[in-house]
Amino acid sequence: MEDRRGEWVVLQVSGEMDLVTSPAVRQHVHDAVAEGRHWLVLDLSEVRFCDSSGVGVLIAARRLMRSCSGRLRLILPPQGAAHGSHVHRVLAALGVRRLFDVYPDLGAATEPDGEDEDAVDPLSA
C-alpha cells in the first residue's frame, strides 16, 4: 500500500473506501505523519466506490497535512477504476473537489516543485 518517491510518501488505495476500509486508510495517513513524512500522495485511481466515510478520511487527511505544514495530493485520473474516477465524481457532487490538489498520474503528482501543468489548482479553504 505504501511507496516512496523522493520526498513523497505514496499510499495506493484500491477497491472500496467505505465504513469498513476507511479506518485503515486513515491509520496509514497518521502513521506517515508520525514518521515525519509530511508530503503525501493518495493514489485513488483504483478506487471503485467511495462513501461518506471515505470522503471524511480525505478531508481529515487534508486537515492533518495542513496542520503540520505538509502537502496532500490525490491521483484521480479521468478514466480510473474501470468506469471513470468514481472518487472524482463523488467529490465533485459534494462540492469538496476544489479543496484538493488533483493529478492524473503518479509522475505528475510527485513532480519536485509541484508545478506540473496537468495539476488542477484547488481553491483555498
Protein backbone atom coordinates (compact mmCIF):
# COMPACT_ATOMS: atom_id res chain seq x y z
CA MET A 1 0.00 0.00 0.00
CA GLU A 2 2.91 2.42 0.66
CA ASP A 3 5.68 3.52 -1.66
CA ARG A 4 8.15 6.39 -1.61
CA ARG A 5 9.01 8.74 -4.44
CA GLY A 6 11.68 11.18 -3.34
CA GLU A 7 10.17 13.35 -0.61
CA TRP A 8 6.69 11.92 -1.22
CA VAL A 9 5.01 9.01 0.53
CA VAL A 10 2.58 7.36 -1.88
CA LEU A 11 -0.36 5.43 -0.47
CA GLN A 12 -2.09 3.29 -3.07
CA VAL A 13 -5.74 2.66 -2.30
CA SER A 14 -7.88 0.26 -4.30
CA GLY A 15 -11.31 -1.30 -4.12
CA GLU A 16 -13.70 0.48 -1.79
CA MET A 17 -13.33 3.36 0.65
CA ASP A 18 -16.24 2.79 2.97
CA LEU A 19 -17.10 2.40 6.63
CA VAL A 20 -15.13 -0.86 6.82
CA THR A 21 -11.96 0.12 4.91
CA SER A 22 -11.63 3.86 5.59
CA PRO A 23 -10.14 3.46 9.09
CA ALA A 24 -7.15 1.62 7.59
CA VAL A 25 -6.53 4.47 5.12
CA ARG A 26 -6.81 6.99 7.96
CA GLN A 27 -4.29 4.98 10.02
CA HIS A 28 -1.78 4.85 7.16
CA VAL A 29 -2.02 8.63 6.78
CA HIS A 30 -1.49 9.13 10.52
CA ASP A 31 1.43 6.68 10.52
CA ALA A 32 3.14 8.57 7.70
CA VAL A 33 2.80 11.88 9.57
CA ALA A 34 4.00 10.28 12.81
CA GLU A 35 7.12 9.14 10.95
CA GLY A 36 7.76 12.73 9.90
CA ARG A 37 6.60 12.27 6.32
CA HIS A 38 4.60 15.39 5.51
CA TRP A 39 4.34 15.14 1.74
CA LEU A 40 1.66 12.60 0.91
CA VAL A 41 0.12 11.33 -2.31
CA LEU A 42 -3.05 9.25 -2.14
CA ASP A 43 -3.35 7.22 -5.33
CA LEU A 44 -7.10 6.69 -5.66
CA SER A 45 -7.05 5.65 -9.31
CA GLU A 46 -8.23 2.12 -8.50
CA VAL A 47 -10.94 3.00 -6.00
CA ARG A 48 -14.26 1.69 -7.34
CA PHE A 49 -16.51 3.02 -4.57
CA CYS A 50 -16.29 5.81 -2.02
CA ASP A 51 -18.96 6.66 0.56
CA SER A 52 -19.18 9.49 3.08
CA SER A 53 -16.70 7.82 5.44
CA GLY A 54 -14.14 7.71 2.62
CA VAL A 55 -14.74 11.38 1.86
CA GLY A 56 -14.37 12.08 5.56
CA VAL A 57 -10.97 10.39 5.57
CA LEU A 58 -9.84 12.52 2.63
CA ILE A 59 -10.97 15.73 4.30
CA ALA A 60 -9.37 14.70 7.61
CA ALA A 61 -6.13 13.86 5.77
CA ARG A 62 -6.17 17.30 4.14
CA ARG A 63 -6.71 18.96 7.51
CA LEU A 64 -3.93 16.90 9.13
CA MET A 65 -1.43 17.69 6.38
CA ARG A 66 -2.24 21.40 6.56
CA SER A 67 -1.83 21.38 10.37
CA CYS A 68 1.74 20.12 10.05
CA SER A 69 2.59 22.36 7.06
CA GLY A 70 2.51 19.27 4.88
CA ARG A 71 1.17 18.66 1.40
CA LEU A 72 -1.51 16.28 0.18
CA ARG A 73 -2.06 15.33 -3.43
CA LEU A 74 -4.65 12.99 -4.90
CA ILE A 75 -4.31 10.91 -8.03
CA LEU A 76 -7.69 10.86 -9.76
CA PRO A 77 -7.25 10.08 -13.46
CA PRO A 78 -10.18 10.89 -15.74
CA GLN A 79 -10.61 7.18 -16.59
CA GLY A 80 -9.63 5.41 -13.38
CA ALA A 81 -11.18 2.35 -11.72
CA ALA A 82 -12.69 0.79 -14.83
CA HIS A 83 -15.59 3.20 -15.40
CA GLY A 84 -14.05 6.59 -14.75
CA SER A 85 -12.94 8.10 -11.48
CA HIS A 86 -15.72 7.37 -9.01
CA VAL A 87 -13.96 9.37 -6.29
CA HIS A 88 -13.66 12.38 -8.59
CA ARG A 89 -17.41 12.27 -9.26
CA VAL A 90 -18.26 11.89 -5.57
CA LEU A 91 -16.00 14.78 -4.51
CA ALA A 92 -17.41 16.99 -7.26
CA ALA A 93 -21.01 16.12 -6.38
CA LEU A 94 -20.39 17.02 -2.73
CA GLY A 95 -18.69 20.29 -3.68
CA VAL A 96 -15.39 19.43 -2.00
CA ARG A 97 -13.33 18.51 -5.07
CA ARG A 98 -11.94 22.05 -5.16
CA LEU A 99 -10.25 21.51 -1.78
CA PHE A 100 -7.71 19.04 -3.16
CA ASP A 101 -4.65 19.14 -5.40
CA VAL A 102 -5.57 16.55 -8.03
CA TYR A 103 -3.18 14.97 -10.53
CA PRO A 104 -3.78 12.50 -13.36
CA ASP A 105 -0.91 10.12 -12.53
CA LEU A 106 1.95 9.39 -10.15
CA GLY A 107 4.59 11.14 -12.24
CA ALA A 108 2.66 14.39 -12.24
CA ALA A 109 1.78 14.11 -8.54
CA THR A 110 5.39 13.67 -7.45
CA GLU A 111 6.96 16.43 -9.52
CA PRO A 112 9.64 18.03 -7.31
CA ASP A 113 8.32 21.57 -7.49
CA GLY A 114 4.65 20.70 -7.95
CA GLU A 115 4.38 22.96 -10.97
CA ASP A 116 3.03 20.34 -13.31
CA GLU A 117 0.74 21.72 -15.98
CA ASP A 118 -1.66 18.79 -15.58
CA ALA A 119 -2.50 19.74 -12.00
CA VAL A 120 -5.81 21.31 -11.18
CA ASP A 121 -5.35 24.19 -8.72
CA PRO A 122 -7.51 23.94 -5.61
CA LEU A 123 -9.22 26.95 -4.10
CA SER A 124 -8.09 27.96 -0.66
CA ALA A 125 -10.28 26.80 2.17
